[in-house]
Amino acid sequence: MIKELLETRVKPAVAEDGGNIVTCSSSSVTLKHGVENMLRHYVPEVKGVEEVVPDGEADPVARESDKALSAMEKKLADAGILRS
């Protein structure tokens, strides 16, 4: 039932929003709120949803996002806009 919900409800909803469940830039928020709420609605036994990343396989999108965020924070700090 969970697999069916992911295929028929979750994936289309995320795709409609311009991404997919793996590479969506806000996938953590999407996963935690949208997917969890939907699954809990249709499958009351579901208590929660968590992202699982296998050991040694850091999410490449998250790595790139972290790099971009760090670069932006450095620029803001160098400009005196962001304080540590």
PDB file of N, CA and C in Angstrom:
ATOM      1  N   MET A   1       0.817  -1.192   0.000  1.00  0.00           N
ATOM      2  CA  MET A   1       0.000   0.000   0.000  1.00  0.00           C
ATOM      3  C   MET A   1       0.865   1.261   0.000  1.00  0.00           C
ATOM      4  N   ILE A   2       1.958   1.249   0.771  1.00  0.00           N
ATOM      5  CA  ILE A   2       2.857   2.402   0.823  1.00  0.00           C
ATOM      6  C   ILE A   2       3.511   2.636  -0.533  1.00  0.00           C
ATOM      7  N   LYS A   3       3.999   1.568  -1.172  1.00  0.00           N
ATOM      8  CA  LYS A   3       4.607   1.707  -2.495  1.00  0.00           C
ATOM      9  C   LYS A   3       3.608   2.283  -3.491  1.00  0.00           C
ATOM     10  N   GLU A   4       2.384   1.810  -3.439  1.00  0.00           N
ATOM     11  CA  GLU A   4       1.355   2.312  -4.346  1.00  0.00           C
ATOM     12  C   GLU A   4       1.094   3.796  -4.114  1.00  0.00           C
ATOM     13  N   LEU A   5       1.027   4.215  -2.858  1.00  0.00           N
ATOM     14  CA  LEU A   5       0.827   5.630  -2.551  1.00  0.00           C
ATOM     15  C   LEU A   5       1.990   6.480  -3.046  1.00  0.00           C
ATOM     16  N   LEU A   6       3.195   5.967  -2.886  1.00  0.00           N
ATOM     17  CA  LEU A   6       4.360   6.708  -3.371  1.00  0.00           C
ATOM     18  C   LEU A   6       4.295   6.897  -4.882  1.00  0.00           C
ATOM     19  N   GLU A   7       3.913   5.840  -5.585  1.00  0.00           N
ATOM     20  CA  GLU A   7       3.852   5.903  -7.047  1.00  0.00           C
ATOM     21  C   GLU A   7       2.673   6.734  -7.558  1.00  0.00           C
ATOM     22  N   THR A   8       1.506   6.589  -6.928  1.00  0.00           N
ATOM     23  CA  THR A   8       0.301   7.212  -7.475  1.00  0.00           C
ATOM     24  C   THR A   8       0.002   8.597  -6.914  1.00  0.00           C
ATOM     25  N   ARG A   9       0.504   8.915  -5.742  1.00  0.00           N
ATOM     26  CA  ARG A   9       0.186  10.207  -5.121  1.00  0.00           C
ATOM     27  C   ARG A   9       1.419  11.089  -4.921  1.00  0.00           C
ATOM     28  N   VAL A  10       2.447  10.534  -4.298  1.00  0.00           N
ATOM     29  CA  VAL A  10       3.604  11.336  -3.910  1.00  0.00           C
ATOM     30  C   VAL A  10       4.429  11.774  -5.123  1.00  0.00           C
ATOM     31  N   LYS A  11       4.875  10.819  -5.930  1.00  0.00           N
ATOM     32  CA  LYS A  11       5.722  11.168  -7.080  1.00  0.00           C
ATOM     33  C   LYS A  11       5.049  12.173  -8.011  1.00  0.00           C
ATOM     34  N   PRO A  12       3.778  11.964  -8.383  1.00  0.00           N
ATOM     35  CA  PRO A  12       3.137  12.958  -9.252  1.00  0.00           C
ATOM     36  C   PRO A  12       3.040  14.345  -8.604  1.00  0.00           C
ATOM     37  N   ALA A  13       2.752  14.402  -7.321  1.00  0.00           N
ATOM     38  CA  ALA A  13       2.635  15.691  -6.634  1.00  0.00           C
ATOM     39  C   ALA A  13       3.972  16.423  -6.609  1.00  0.00           C
ATOM     40  N   VAL A  14       5.048  15.706  -6.336  1.00  0.00           N
ATOM     41  CA  VAL A  14       6.373  16.326  -6.295  1.00  0.00           C
ATOM     42  C   VAL A  14       6.809  16.724  -7.708  1.00  0.00           C
ATOM     43  N   ALA A  15       6.537  15.869  -8.690  1.00  0.00           N
ATOM     44  CA  ALA A  15       6.895  16.179 -10.078  1.00  0.00           C
ATOM     45  C   ALA A  15       6.145  17.425 -10.552  1.00  0.00           C
ATOM     46  N   GLU A  16       4.896  17.556 -10.148  1.00  0.00           N
ATOM     47  CA  GLU A  16       4.096  18.717 -10.513  1.00  0.00           C
ATOM     48  C   GLU A  16       4.696  19.995  -9.938  1.00  0.00           C
ATOM     49  N   ASP A  17       5.403  19.856  -8.827  1.00  0.00           N
ATOM     50  CA  ASP A  17       6.037  20.994  -8.163  1.00  0.00           C
ATOM     51  C   ASP A  17       7.417  21.286  -8.757  1.00  0.00           C
ATOM     52  N   GLY A  18       7.818  20.515  -9.774  1.00  0.00           N
ATOM     53  CA  GLY A  18       9.056  20.808 -10.479  1.00  0.00           C
ATOM     54  C   GLY A  18      10.251  19.980 -10.076  1.00  0.00           C
ATOM     55  N   GLY A  19      10.070  18.945  -9.313  1.00  0.00           N
ATOM     56  CA  GLY A  19      11.203  18.126  -8.895  1.00  0.00           C
ATOM     57  C   GLY A  19      10.815  16.676  -8.801  1.00  0.00           C
ATOM     58  N   ASN A  20      11.642  15.932  -8.121  1.00  0.00           N
ATOM     59  CA  ASN A  20      11.261  14.567  -7.786  1.00  0.00           C
ATOM     60  C   ASN A  20      11.726  14.301  -6.377  1.00  0.00           C
ATOM     61  N   ILE A  21      11.311  13.225  -5.817  1.00  0.00           N
ATOM     62  CA  ILE A  21      11.524  12.984  -4.388  1.00  0.00           C
ATOM     63  C   ILE A  21      12.997  12.883  -4.022  1.00  0.00           C
ATOM     64  N   VAL A  22      13.859  12.527  -4.967  1.00  0.00           N
ATOM     65  CA  VAL A  22      15.283  12.400  -4.659  1.00  0.00           C
ATOM     66  C   VAL A  22      16.013  13.712  -4.850  1.00  0.00           C
ATOM     67  N   THR A  23      15.726  14.443  -5.939  1.00  0.00           N
ATOM     68  CA  THR A  23      16.523  15.633  -6.247  1.00  0.00           C
ATOM     69  C   THR A  23      15.811  16.939  -5.956  1.00  0.00           C
ATOM     70  N   CYS A  24      14.619  16.893  -5.442  1.00  0.00           N
ATOM     71  CA  CYS A  24      13.901  18.122  -5.106  1.00  0.00           C
ATOM     72  C   CYS A  24      14.738  18.914  -4.112  1.00  0.00           C
ATOM     73  N   SER A  25      14.932  20.213  -4.379  1.00  0.00           N
ATOM     74  CA  SER A  25      15.804  21.012  -3.519  1.00  0.00           C
ATOM     75  C   SER A  25      15.280  21.116  -2.092  1.00  0.00           C
ATOM     76  N   SER A  26      14.011  20.941  -1.911  1.00  0.00           N
ATOM     77  CA  SER A  26      13.456  20.972  -0.558  1.00  0.00           C
ATOM     78  C   SER A  26      12.977  19.593  -0.155  1.00  0.00           C
ATOM     79  N   SER A  27      13.719  18.568  -0.567  1.00  0.00           N
ATOM     80  CA  SER A  27      13.264  17.193  -0.344  1.00  0.00           C
ATOM     81  C   SER A  27      13.110  16.840   1.123  1.00  0.00           C
ATOM     82  N   SER A  28      13.934  17.408   1.998  1.00  0.00           N
ATOM     83  CA  SER A  28      13.788  17.092   3.420  1.00  0.00           C
ATOM     84  C   SER A  28      12.443  17.565   3.946  1.00  0.00           C
ATOM     85  N   VAL A  29      12.074  18.790   3.587  1.00  0.00           N
ATOM     86  CA  VAL A  29      10.788  19.326   4.024  1.00  0.00           C
ATOM     87  C   VAL A  29       9.658  18.548   3.373  1.00  0.00           C
ATOM     88  N   THR A  30       9.802  18.287   2.072  1.00  0.00           N
ATOM     89  CA  THR A  30       8.778  17.523   1.352  1.00  0.00           C
ATOM     90  C   THR A  30       8.597  16.160   1.988  1.00  0.00           C
ATOM     91  N   LEU A  31       9.703  15.492   2.266  1.00  0.00           N
ATOM     92  CA  LEU A  31       9.649  14.163   2.854  1.00  0.00           C
ATOM     93  C   LEU A  31       8.985  14.202   4.213  1.00  0.00           C
ATOM     94  N   LYS A  32       9.458  15.065   5.068  1.00  0.00           N
ATOM     95  CA  LYS A  32       8.985  15.071   6.448  1.00  0.00           C
ATOM     96  C   LYS A  32       7.526  15.490   6.565  1.00  0.00           C
ATOM     97  N   HIS A  33       7.137  16.501   5.842  1.00  0.00           N
ATOM     98  CA  HIS A  33       5.775  17.006   6.017  1.00  0.00           C
ATOM     99  C   HIS A  33       4.776  16.403   5.032  1.00  0.00           C
ATOM    100  N   GLY A  34       5.017  16.608   3.770  1.00  0.00           N
ATOM    101  CA  GLY A  34       4.053  16.152   2.773  1.00  0.00           C
ATOM    102  C   GLY A  34       3.880  14.649   2.715  1.00  0.00           C
ATOM    103  N   VAL A  35       4.992  13.954   2.552  1.00  0.00           N
ATOM    104  CA  VAL A  35       4.931  12.502   2.408  1.00  0.00           C
ATOM    105  C   VAL A  35       4.463  11.849   3.703  1.00  0.00           C
ATOM    106  N   GLU A  36       5.031  12.279   4.799  1.00  0.00           N
ATOM    107  CA  GLU A  36       4.648  11.681   6.080  1.00  0.00           C
ATOM    108  C   GLU A  36       3.162  11.884   6.367  1.00  0.00           C
ATOM    109  N   ASN A  37       2.675  13.086   6.160  1.00  0.00           N
ATOM    110  CA  ASN A  37       1.258  13.355   6.426  1.00  0.00           C
ATOM    111  C   ASN A  37       0.353  12.520   5.530  1.00  0.00           C
ATOM    112  N   MET A  38       0.732  12.413   4.256  1.00  0.00           N
ATOM    113  CA  MET A  38      -0.091  11.627   3.335  1.00  0.00           C
ATOM    114  C   MET A  38      -0.101  10.153   3.739  1.00  0.00           C
ATOM    115  N   LEU A  39       1.082   9.620   4.025  1.00  0.00           N
ATOM    116  CA  LEU A  39       1.144   8.206   4.409  1.00  0.00           C
ATOM    117  C   LEU A  39       0.381   7.949   5.701  1.00  0.00           C
ATOM    118  N   ARG A  40       0.529   8.848   6.659  1.00  0.00           N
ATOM    119  CA  ARG A  40      -0.177   8.659   7.931  1.00  0.00           C
ATOM    120  C   ARG A  40      -1.693   8.749   7.736  1.00  0.00           C
ATOM    121  N   HIS A  41      -2.123   9.563   6.782  1.00  0.00           N
ATOM    122  CA  HIS A  41      -3.551   9.687   6.504  1.00  0.00           C
ATOM    123  C   HIS A  41      -4.113   8.377   5.946  1.00  0.00           C
ATOM    124  N   TYR A  42      -3.413   7.818   4.955  1.00  0.00           N
ATOM    125  CA  TYR A  42      -3.908   6.609   4.299  1.00  0.00           C
ATOM    126  C   TYR A  42      -3.539   5.322   5.021  1.00  0.00           C
ATOM    127  N   VAL A  43      -2.448   5.335   5.767  1.00  0.00           N
ATOM    128  CA  VAL A  43      -1.980   4.138   6.473  1.00  0.00           C
ATOM    129  C   VAL A  43      -1.736   4.535   7.935  1.00  0.00           C
ATOM    130  N   PRO A  44      -2.757   4.459   8.769  1.00  0.00           N
ATOM    131  CA  PRO A  44      -2.639   4.914  10.159  1.00  0.00           C
ATOM    132  C   PRO A  44      -1.507   4.250  10.950  1.00  0.00           C
ATOM    133  N   GLU A  45      -1.071   3.076  10.512  1.00  0.00           N
ATOM    134  CA  GLU A  45       0.018   2.394  11.222  1.00  0.00           C
ATOM    135  C   GLU A  45       1.364   3.107  11.049  1.00  0.00           C
ATOM    136  N   VAL A  46       1.477   3.941  10.035  1.00  0.00           N
ATOM    137  CA  VAL A  46       2.726   4.682   9.805  1.00  0.00           C
ATOM    138  C   VAL A  46       2.863   5.732  10.905  1.00  0.00           C
ATOM    139  N   LYS A  47       3.975   5.678  11.605  1.00  0.00           N
ATOM    140  CA  LYS A  47       4.222   6.615  12.705  1.00  0.00           C
ATOM    141  C   LYS A  47       5.132   7.763  12.300  1.00  0.00           C
ATOM    142  N   GLY A  48       5.902   7.577  11.243  1.00  0.00           N
ATOM    143  CA  GLY A  48       6.812   8.630  10.798  1.00  0.00           C
ATOM    144  C   GLY A  48       7.561   8.199   9.560  1.00  0.00           C
ATOM    145  N   VAL A  49       8.226   9.166   8.929  1.00  0.00           N
ATOM    146  CA  VAL A  49       9.012   8.933   7.729  1.00  0.00           C
ATOM    147  C   VAL A  49      10.356   9.616   7.921  1.00  0.00           C
ATOM    148  N   GLU A  50      11.421   8.912   7.582  1.00  0.00           N
ATOM    149  CA  GLU A  50      12.762   9.476   7.699  1.00  0.00           C
ATOM    150  C   GLU A  50      13.564   9.174   6.450  1.00  0.00           C
ATOM    151  N   GLU A  51      14.428  10.106   6.092  1.00  0.00           N
ATOM    152  CA  GLU A  51      15.335   9.881   4.975  1.00  0.00           C
ATOM    153  C   GLU A  51      16.447   8.947   5.437  1.00  0.00           C
ATOM    154  N   VAL A  52      16.787   7.985   4.607  1.00  0.00           N
ATOM    155  CA  VAL A  52      17.862   7.055   4.916  1.00  0.00           C
ATOM    156  C   VAL A  52      18.901   7.155   3.811  1.00  0.00           C
ATOM    157  N   VAL A  53      20.138   7.465   4.196  1.00  0.00           N
ATOM    158  CA  VAL A  53      21.240   7.539   3.246  1.00  0.00           C
ATOM    159  C   VAL A  53      22.238   6.458   3.638  1.00  0.00           C
ATOM    160  N   PRO A  54      22.505   5.515   2.726  1.00  0.00           N
ATOM    161  CA  PRO A  54      23.461   4.455   3.045  1.00  0.00           C
ATOM    162  C   PRO A  54      24.823   5.018   3.439  1.00  0.00           C
ATOM    163  N   ASP A  55      25.507   4.336   4.345  1.00  0.00           N
ATOM    164  CA  ASP A  55      26.842   4.764   4.771  1.00  0.00           C
ATOM    165  C   ASP A  55      27.740   4.959   3.564  1.00  0.00           C
ATOM    166  N   GLY A  56      28.474   6.064   3.564  1.00  0.00           N
ATOM    167  CA  GLY A  56      29.423   6.331   2.496  1.00  0.00           C
ATOM    168  C   GLY A  56      28.798   6.883   1.232  1.00  0.00           C
ATOM    169  N   GLU A  57      27.487   7.074   1.218  1.00  0.00           N
ATOM    170  CA  GLU A  57      26.815   7.594   0.033  1.00  0.00           C
ATOM    171  C   GLU A  57      26.095   8.891   0.367  1.00  0.00           C
ATOM    172  N   ALA A  58      26.871   9.933   0.599  1.00  0.00           N
ATOM    173  CA  ALA A  58      26.257  11.224   0.890  1.00  0.00           C
ATOM    174  C   ALA A  58      25.491  11.703  -0.339  1.00  0.00           C
ATOM    175  N   ASP A  59      24.385  12.321  -0.108  1.00  0.00           N
ATOM    176  CA  ASP A  59      23.522  12.824  -1.176  1.00  0.00           C
ATOM    177  C   ASP A  59      24.267  13.902  -1.969  1.00  0.00           C
ATOM    178  N   PRO A  60      24.483  13.698  -3.273  1.00  0.00           N
ATOM    179  CA  PRO A  60      25.221  14.681  -4.071  1.00  0.00           C
ATOM    180  C   PRO A  60      24.514  16.029  -4.142  1.00  0.00           C
ATOM    181  N   VAL A  61      23.199  16.036  -4.132  1.00  0.00           N
ATOM    182  CA  VAL A  61      22.466  17.301  -4.154  1.00  0.00           C
ATOM    183  C   VAL A  61      22.699  18.048  -2.854  1.00  0.00           C
ATOM    184  N   ALA A  62      22.657  17.336  -1.744  1.00  0.00           N
ATOM    185  CA  ALA A  62      22.897  17.962  -0.442  1.00  0.00           C
ATOM    186  C   ALA A  62      24.319  18.496  -0.358  1.00  0.00           C
ATOM    187  N   ARG A  63      25.290  17.749  -0.889  1.00  0.00           N
ATOM    188  CA  ARG A  63      26.683  18.216  -0.879  1.00  0.00           C
ATOM    189  C   ARG A  63      26.816  19.515  -1.653  1.00  0.00           C
ATOM    190  N   GLU A  64      26.227  19.573  -2.826  1.00  0.00           N
ATOM    191  CA  GLU A  64      26.297  20.791  -3.644  1.00  0.00           C
ATOM    192  C   GLU A  64      25.563  21.938  -2.957  1.00  0.00           C
ATOM    193  N   SER A  65      24.435  21.659  -2.337  1.00  0.00           N
ATOM    194  CA  SER A  65      23.700  22.693  -1.610  1.00  0.00           C
ATOM    195  C   SER A  65      24.524  23.234  -0.452  1.00  0.00           C
ATOM    196  N   ASP A  66      25.188  22.325   0.269  1.00  0.00           N
ATOM    197  CA  ASP A  66      26.040  22.745   1.385  1.00  0.00           C
ATOM    198  C   ASP A  66      27.188  23.626   0.899  1.00  0.00           C
ATOM    199  N   LYS A  67      27.786  23.258  -0.237  1.00  0.00           N
ATOM    200  CA  LYS A  67      28.879  24.065  -0.804  1.00  0.00           C
ATOM    201  C   LYS A  67      28.380  25.457  -1.180  1.00  0.00           C
ATOM    202  N   ALA A  68      27.234  25.502  -1.841  1.00  0.00           N
ATOM    203  CA  ALA A  68      26.671  26.784  -2.264  1.00  0.00           C
ATOM    204  C   ALA A  68      26.317  27.644  -1.059  1.00  0.00           C
ATOM    205  N   LEU A  69      25.743  27.038  -0.031  1.00  0.00           N
ATOM    206  CA  LEU A  69      25.394  27.773   1.179  1.00  0.00           C
ATOM    207  C   LEU A  69      26.645  28.315   1.863  1.00  0.00           C
ATOM    208  N   SER A  70      27.676  27.503   1.958  1.00  0.00           N
ATOM    209  CA  SER A  70      28.925  27.949   2.573  1.00  0.00           C
ATOM    210  C   SER A  70      29.534  29.112   1.804  1.00  0.00           C
ATOM    211  N   ALA A  71      29.511  29.029   0.477  1.00  0.00           N
ATOM    212  CA  ALA A  71      30.058  30.107  -0.349  1.00  0.00           C
ATOM    213  C   ALA A  71      29.260  31.389  -0.141  1.00  0.00           C
ATOM    214  N   MET A  72      27.941  31.279  -0.088  1.00  0.00           N
ATOM    215  CA  MET A  72      27.096  32.455   0.123  1.00  0.00           C
ATOM    216  C   MET A  72      27.333  33.054   1.505  1.00  0.00           C
ATOM    217  N   GLU A  73      27.442  32.207   2.517  1.00  0.00           N
ATOM    218  CA  GLU A  73      27.713  32.701   3.872  1.00  0.00           C
ATOM    219  C   GLU A  73      29.049  33.427   3.925  1.00  0.00           C
ATOM    220  N   LYS A  74      30.057  32.900   3.234  1.00  0.00           N
ATOM    221  CA  LYS A  74      31.370  33.552   3.209  1.00  0.00           C
ATOM    222  C   LYS A  74      31.276  34.918   2.546  1.00  0.00           C
ATOM    223  N   LYS A  75      30.563  35.005   1.417  1.00  0.00           N
ATOM    224  CA  LYS A  75      30.399  36.291   0.735  1.00  0.00           C
ATOM    225  C   LYS A  75      29.688  37.300   1.633  1.00  0.00           C
ATOM    226  N   LEU A  76      28.651  36.850   2.302  1.00  0.00           N
ATOM    227  CA  LEU A  76      27.917  37.744   3.202  1.00  0.00           C
ATOM    228  C   LEU A  76      28.772  38.172   4.387  1.00  0.00           C
ATOM    229  N   ALA A  77      29.548  37.252   4.918  1.00  0.00           N
ATOM    230  CA  ALA A  77      30.433  37.586   6.036  1.00  0.00           C
ATOM    231  C   ALA A  77      31.515  38.567   5.580  1.00  0.00           C
ATOM    232  N   ASP A  78      32.098  38.315   4.388  1.00  0.00           N
ATOM    233  CA  ASP A  78      33.132  39.206   3.863  1.00  0.00           C
ATOM    234  C   ASP A  78      32.589  40.615   3.617  1.00  0.00           C
ATOM    235  N   ALA A  79      31.320  40.705   3.271  1.00  0.00           N
ATOM    236  CA  ALA A  79      30.691  41.993   3.013  1.00  0.00           C
ATOM    237  C   ALA A  79      30.212  42.659   4.306  1.00  0.00           C
ATOM    238  N   GLY A  80      30.370  41.969   5.432  1.00  0.00           N
ATOM    239  CA  GLY A  80      29.957  42.509   6.710  1.00  0.00           C
ATOM    240  C   GLY A  80      28.468  42.405   6.971  1.00  0.00           C
ATOM    241  N   ILE A  81      27.774  41.632   6.150  1.00  0.00           N
ATOM    242  CA  ILE A  81      26.328  41.487   6.300  1.00  0.00           C
ATOM    243  C   ILE A  81      25.983  40.370   7.285  1.00  0.00           C
ATOM    244  N   LEU A  82      26.786  39.337   7.291  1.00  0.00           N
ATOM    245  CA  LEU A  82      26.539  38.184   8.147  1.00  0.00           C
ATOM    246  C   LEU A  82      27.603  38.130   9.223  1.00  0.00           C
ATOM    247  N   ARG A  83      27.157  38.001  10.437  1.00  0.00           N
ATOM    248  CA  ARG A  83      28.096  37.886  11.559  1.00  0.00           C
ATOM    249  C   ARG A  83      28.075  36.452  12.063  1.00  0.00           C
ATOM    250  N   SER A  84      29.238  35.968  12.496  1.00  0.00           N
ATOM    251  CA  SER A  84      29.282  34.582  12.986  1.00  0.00           C
ATOM    252  C   SER A  84      28.874  34.490  14.423  1.00  0.00           C
TER     253      SER A  84
END
